[in-house]
Amino acid sequence: MNFLTPAEIAAATANAGKAKCEMSIIKMIVMGILAGAYIGFGANLATKIGSMEAAGTSGGQFLFGAVFSVGLMLVVIAGSELFTGNCMFCVISSLNGQSTWGGLLKNWTVVFLANFVGSVLLVYIIFYGGFWGDPSALAAHGSKALGIASAKMSLTWGQAFFRAICCNWLVCLAVWLAFAAKDVVGKIFGIFFPIMAFVASGFEHSVANMFFIPMGITIAQNNPELIASATKVAADGSVVPLFANLTTPDAVTAFFSYGNFISANLIPVTLGNIVGGAVFVAMFYWFVFLKK
């Protein structure tokens, strides 16, 4: 067969987890920065597609999810260290006795922070590319970026946590399927469908949100007066504020802040991602295929 069986995938992911936990810190940092940027590329492309006329339709939502999958393709095929995938790799390896729980915590901590650095680095590169608009007017891309960030930070803790469980369950299954394939085309197809499903479903991914939300924050913090006065056309044809509750510069800067991002979204989403990858993929498959 030109693909691995589920039992063979379990063994391969445990071996990969061992290598990840034993990697030097400097390599974790570099590879983590790359992964944050790669996921950011997918997130930015999804934002661009989502800002077009088809956005809001079922086809537009499908395309939004479909193009985002390029991010994980880059992570898996080009090679890098992604926190959400490592929620599976490091746990299945540690459960199997091939790596230590201390190695897991080191990997998770370093890679998570490096993913954040890579994501925000790309945010500033894209921001200064001017795709969002300019100080005098928002482009459709900028309005979409702000809308995505606002929606994510407006979720309750419970909503963010449970959506994040579903997200990383699918993300880790995408990596699992990619490991099954022995050729690049097979890996691409293995990644595409679960990633398209999680994004189109509206689930929450901590590393993707390290791009989506800081992009909204960067636009808003640099142009609070513009955001406060921005408008949109409502369903009934009337012109209304872009954000009904953010009509002053102070309200804009207070809402679009890193403190709000971390407390309202990043913490619950990260915890949910850990549960989704560590429990529903790593622990379950370790129990079925590797537990002696």
Protein backbone atom coordinates (compact mmCIF):
# COMPACT_ATOMS: atom_id res chain seq x y z
CA MET A 1 0.00 0.00 0.00
CA ASN A 2 1.14 3.56 -0.66
CA PHE A 3 -0.30 4.79 2.64
CA LEU A 4 0.08 3.91 6.30
CA THR A 5 -2.54 2.05 8.31
CA PRO A 6 -3.96 3.79 11.42
CA ALA A 7 -1.73 1.67 13.67
CA GLU A 8 1.32 2.65 11.60
CA ILE A 9 0.31 6.31 11.76
CA ALA A 10 0.13 6.07 15.56
CA ALA A 11 3.67 4.69 15.71
CA ALA A 12 4.95 7.30 13.26
CA THR A 13 3.40 10.21 15.18
CA ALA A 14 4.84 8.92 18.47
CA ASN A 15 8.30 8.77 16.86
CA ALA A 16 7.84 12.29 15.47
CA GLY A 17 6.74 13.52 18.89
CA LYS A 18 9.94 12.15 20.43
CA ALA A 19 12.03 14.10 17.91
CA LYS A 20 10.05 17.26 18.58
CA CYS A 21 10.45 17.02 22.37
CA GLU A 22 14.22 16.47 22.01
CA MET A 23 14.80 19.30 19.50
CA SER A 24 17.12 22.10 20.62
CA ILE A 25 15.45 25.29 21.83
CA ILE A 26 16.97 27.43 19.08
CA LYS A 27 15.57 25.12 16.42
CA MET A 28 12.17 25.14 18.13
CA ILE A 29 12.23 28.94 18.06
CA VAL A 30 13.13 29.19 14.37
CA MET A 31 10.72 26.46 13.30
CA GLY A 32 7.99 27.93 15.51
CA ILE A 33 8.38 31.38 13.96
CA LEU A 34 8.07 29.81 10.51
CA ALA A 35 4.88 27.96 11.48
CA GLY A 36 3.30 31.13 12.86
CA ALA A 37 4.05 32.92 9.58
CA TYR A 38 2.81 29.99 7.48
CA ILE A 39 -0.53 29.85 9.29
CA GLY A 40 -0.67 33.64 8.95
CA PHE A 41 -0.30 33.35 5.17
CA GLY A 42 -3.33 31.07 5.10
CA ALA A 43 -5.25 33.40 7.41
CA ASN A 44 -4.45 36.45 5.30
CA LEU A 45 -5.50 34.69 2.12
CA ALA A 46 -8.77 33.67 3.78
CA THR A 47 -9.31 37.30 4.83
CA LYS A 48 -8.73 38.46 1.26
CA ILE A 49 -11.18 35.92 -0.16
CA GLY A 50 -13.66 36.71 2.62
CA SER A 51 -13.59 40.40 1.73
CA MET A 52 -14.90 39.76 -1.78
CA GLU A 53 -18.50 39.88 -2.96
CA ALA A 54 -19.19 36.17 -2.46
CA ALA A 55 -18.49 36.50 1.30
CA GLY A 56 -21.56 35.69 3.37
CA THR A 57 -22.79 33.07 0.92
CA SER A 58 -22.34 29.33 1.41
CA GLY A 59 -19.87 29.30 -1.47
CA GLY A 60 -17.94 32.19 0.04
CA GLN A 61 -17.73 30.44 3.40
CA PHE A 62 -16.46 27.28 1.70
CA LEU A 63 -13.79 29.26 -0.17
CA PHE A 64 -12.76 31.01 3.05
CA GLY A 65 -12.09 27.62 4.64
CA ALA A 66 -10.61 26.06 1.52
CA VAL A 67 -7.89 28.65 0.96
CA PHE A 68 -6.89 28.72 4.64
CA SER A 69 -5.69 25.12 4.28
CA VAL A 70 -2.57 26.37 2.47
CA GLY A 71 -1.21 27.35 5.88
CA LEU A 72 -1.12 23.81 7.28
CA MET A 73 0.16 22.46 3.96
CA LEU A 74 3.18 24.74 4.35
CA VAL A 75 3.63 23.70 7.98
CA VAL A 76 3.53 19.95 7.30
CA ILE A 77 5.20 19.68 3.91
CA ALA A 78 7.80 22.47 4.14
CA GLY A 79 8.50 21.66 7.78
CA SER A 80 7.95 23.77 10.92
CA GLU A 81 6.75 23.56 14.53
CA LEU A 82 3.07 24.31 15.18
CA PHE A 83 1.70 24.37 18.73
CA THR A 84 -1.68 22.91 17.85
CA GLY A 85 -0.21 19.93 16.00
CA ASN A 86 2.25 19.38 18.83
CA CYS A 87 -0.69 18.98 21.21
CA MET A 88 -1.04 15.61 19.50
CA PHE A 89 2.58 14.72 18.71
CA CYS A 90 4.07 15.40 22.13
CA VAL A 91 1.22 13.80 24.09
CA ILE A 92 1.14 10.53 22.13
CA SER A 93 4.92 10.29 22.40
CA SER A 94 4.90 10.98 26.15
CA LEU A 95 2.08 8.51 26.77
CA ASN A 96 4.09 5.92 24.89
CA GLY A 97 7.17 6.53 27.05
CA GLN A 98 9.28 7.81 24.16
CA SER A 99 9.59 11.35 25.51
CA THR A 100 9.20 13.07 28.86
CA TRP A 101 6.42 15.30 30.11
CA GLY A 102 9.09 17.91 30.82
CA GLY A 103 10.11 17.75 27.17
CA LEU A 104 6.46 18.22 26.23
CA LEU A 105 6.10 21.34 28.39
CA LYS A 106 9.33 22.79 26.98
CA ASN A 107 8.17 22.18 23.42
CA TRP A 108 4.70 23.60 24.00
CA THR A 109 5.99 26.73 25.75
CA VAL A 110 8.74 27.56 23.26
CA VAL A 111 6.73 26.73 20.15
CA PHE A 112 3.64 28.61 21.36
CA LEU A 113 5.64 31.78 21.96
CA ALA A 114 7.55 31.39 18.70
CA ASN A 115 4.28 30.89 16.80
CA PHE A 116 3.08 34.18 18.30
CA VAL A 117 6.25 35.96 17.16
CA GLY A 118 5.97 34.57 13.62
CA SER A 119 2.30 35.46 13.35
CA VAL A 120 2.73 39.05 14.56
CA LEU A 121 5.79 39.49 12.35
CA LEU A 122 3.64 38.67 9.33
CA VAL A 123 0.85 40.94 10.64
CA TYR A 124 3.19 43.94 10.45
CA ILE A 125 4.55 42.95 7.04
CA ILE A 126 1.01 42.67 5.65
CA PHE A 127 -0.16 45.82 7.47
CA TYR A 128 2.58 47.95 5.95
CA GLY A 129 1.72 46.46 2.57
CA GLY A 130 -1.43 48.58 2.79
CA PHE A 131 -3.97 45.88 1.91
CA TRP A 132 -6.27 47.08 4.71
CA GLY A 133 -6.68 50.55 3.17
CA ASP A 134 -5.12 53.83 4.32
CA PRO A 135 -5.68 56.46 7.06
CA SER A 136 -8.42 58.08 4.96
CA ALA A 137 -10.51 55.02 4.07
CA LEU A 138 -10.82 51.34 4.90
CA ALA A 139 -10.54 48.84 2.05
CA ALA A 140 -12.79 45.76 2.00
CA HIS A 141 -9.81 43.70 3.20
CA GLY A 142 -9.41 45.95 6.25
CA SER A 143 -13.11 45.85 7.11
CA LYS A 144 -13.08 42.06 6.92
CA ALA A 145 -9.98 41.83 9.11
CA LEU A 146 -11.60 44.04 11.73
CA GLY A 147 -14.86 42.08 11.55
CA ILE A 148 -13.07 38.76 12.06
CA ALA A 149 -11.12 40.08 15.05
CA SER A 150 -14.20 41.66 16.61
CA ALA A 151 -16.30 38.51 16.23
CA LYS A 152 -13.61 36.33 17.79
CA MET A 153 -13.11 38.63 20.79
CA SER A 154 -16.89 38.87 21.32
CA LEU A 155 -17.30 35.13 21.99
CA THR A 156 -17.95 34.00 25.55
CA TRP A 157 -15.25 31.92 27.25
CA GLY A 158 -17.38 28.81 26.88
CA GLN A 159 -18.04 29.40 23.20
CA ALA A 160 -14.35 29.98 22.47
CA PHE A 161 -13.29 26.91 24.50
CA PHE A 162 -15.69 24.44 22.91
CA ARG A 163 -15.15 25.75 19.38
CA ALA A 164 -11.42 25.34 19.99
CA ILE A 165 -11.86 21.68 20.99
CA CYS A 166 -13.59 20.98 17.67
CA CYS A 167 -10.94 22.96 15.80
CA ASN A 168 -7.89 21.09 17.02
CA TRP A 169 -9.63 17.75 16.82
CA LEU A 170 -9.89 18.40 13.09
CA VAL A 171 -6.46 20.02 12.76
CA CYS A 172 -4.73 17.04 14.38
CA LEU A 173 -6.76 14.67 12.23
CA ALA A 174 -5.51 16.63 9.20
CA VAL A 175 -1.93 16.05 10.35
CA TRP A 176 -2.79 12.40 11.11
CA LEU A 177 -4.11 11.91 7.56
CA ALA A 178 -1.06 13.67 6.11
CA PHE A 179 1.15 11.18 7.95
CA ALA A 180 -0.82 8.36 6.30
CA ALA A 181 0.19 9.52 2.83
CA LYS A 182 3.56 8.67 1.30
CA ASP A 183 3.47 11.31 -1.45
CA VAL A 184 2.95 15.08 -1.49
CA VAL A 185 -0.38 14.97 -3.33
CA GLY A 186 -1.75 12.54 -0.76
CA LYS A 187 -0.60 14.81 2.06
CA ILE A 188 -2.29 17.82 0.42
CA PHE A 189 -5.61 15.99 0.14
CA GLY A 190 -5.27 14.65 3.68
CA ILE A 191 -4.81 18.18 4.99
CA PHE A 192 -7.35 20.00 2.82
CA PHE A 193 -10.67 18.51 3.89
CA PRO A 194 -10.37 18.64 7.72
CA ILE A 195 -8.89 22.16 7.60
CA MET A 196 -11.57 23.39 5.22
CA ALA A 197 -14.16 21.86 7.57
CA PHE A 198 -12.84 23.56 10.72
CA VAL A 199 -12.50 27.01 9.17
CA ALA A 200 -15.81 26.94 7.28
CA SER A 201 -17.51 25.72 10.48
CA GLY A 202 -16.24 28.73 12.42
CA PHE A 203 -14.09 26.87 14.96
CA GLU A 204 -11.26 28.57 16.88
CA HIS A 205 -7.53 27.99 16.28
CA SER A 206 -5.10 29.66 18.69
CA VAL A 207 -2.27 30.18 16.19
CA ALA A 208 -4.57 31.40 13.42
CA ASN A 209 -6.02 33.86 15.94
CA MET A 210 -2.47 35.10 16.61
CA PHE A 211 -2.74 36.52 13.09
CA PHE A 212 -6.46 37.29 12.70
CA ILE A 213 -6.84 39.26 15.94
CA PRO A 214 -3.50 41.14 16.01
CA MET A 215 -4.22 42.23 12.43
CA GLY A 216 -7.50 43.78 13.60
CA ILE A 217 -5.74 45.29 16.63
CA THR A 218 -2.97 46.80 14.48
CA ILE A 219 -5.43 48.39 12.05
CA ALA A 220 -7.59 49.76 14.88
CA GLN A 221 -4.78 51.03 17.10
CA ASN A 222 -3.22 52.91 14.21
CA ASN A 223 -6.51 54.41 13.01
CA PRO A 224 -8.99 54.66 15.94
CA GLU A 225 -10.76 57.76 14.58
CA LEU A 226 -11.22 56.12 11.17
CA ILE A 227 -12.63 52.91 12.72
CA ALA A 228 -14.97 54.84 15.03
CA SER A 229 -16.46 56.74 12.07
CA ALA A 230 -16.50 53.82 9.59
CA THR A 231 -19.86 52.71 8.26
CA LYS A 232 -21.43 49.81 6.41
CA VAL A 233 -24.65 49.19 4.49
CA ALA A 234 -27.18 47.20 6.53
CA ALA A 235 -29.48 44.53 5.10
CA ASP A 236 -32.29 47.07 4.74
CA GLY A 237 -30.06 49.41 2.74
CA SER A 238 -29.46 51.92 5.51
CA VAL A 239 -25.97 53.13 6.43
CA VAL A 240 -24.95 52.17 9.97
CA PRO A 241 -21.71 52.28 12.01
CA LEU A 242 -19.25 49.48 11.22
CA PHE A 243 -19.30 48.55 14.93
CA ALA A 244 -22.40 49.77 16.77
CA ASN A 245 -20.69 49.73 20.17
CA LEU A 246 -17.38 51.24 19.03
CA THR A 247 -18.25 54.74 17.88
CA THR A 248 -15.52 56.65 19.73
CA PRO A 249 -11.73 56.34 19.36
CA ASP A 250 -11.38 55.45 23.06
CA ALA A 251 -13.88 52.61 22.72
CA VAL A 252 -12.02 51.32 19.66
CA THR A 253 -8.62 51.26 21.35
CA ALA A 254 -10.05 49.74 24.54
CA PHE A 255 -11.71 46.86 22.68
CA PHE A 256 -8.99 46.19 20.09
CA SER A 257 -6.19 45.56 22.59
CA TYR A 258 -3.80 42.71 23.30
CA GLY A 259 -5.08 42.44 26.84
CA ASN A 260 -8.62 41.86 25.59
CA PHE A 261 -7.33 39.42 22.96
CA ILE A 262 -5.46 37.31 25.50
CA SER A 263 -8.16 37.23 28.18
CA ALA A 264 -11.24 36.94 25.96
CA ASN A 265 -9.91 34.64 23.25
CA LEU A 266 -6.36 33.32 23.38
CA ILE A 267 -6.56 31.67 26.82
CA PRO A 268 -9.82 29.74 26.32
CA VAL A 269 -8.93 28.86 22.73
CA THR A 270 -5.51 27.55 23.70
CA LEU A 271 -7.02 25.39 26.45
CA GLY A 272 -9.66 24.06 24.08
CA ASN A 273 -7.04 23.31 21.43
CA ILE A 274 -5.05 21.30 23.98
CA VAL A 275 -8.12 19.22 24.84
CA GLY A 276 -9.00 18.67 21.17
CA GLY A 277 -5.54 17.50 20.14
CA ALA A 278 -4.29 15.83 23.32
CA VAL A 279 -7.45 14.01 24.38
CA PHE A 280 -9.56 13.35 21.30
CA VAL A 281 -6.69 12.42 19.00
CA ALA A 282 -3.49 11.59 20.92
CA MET A 283 -4.96 9.82 23.95
CA PHE A 284 -7.68 7.98 22.08
CA TYR A 285 -5.39 6.65 19.35
CA TRP A 286 -2.62 5.84 21.82
CA PHE A 287 -5.10 3.77 23.82
CA VAL A 288 -6.37 1.95 20.74
CA PHE A 289 -3.09 1.30 18.88
CA LEU A 290 -0.10 1.70 21.21
CA LYS A 291 -1.13 0.96 24.79
CA LYS A 292 0.33 -2.37 25.89
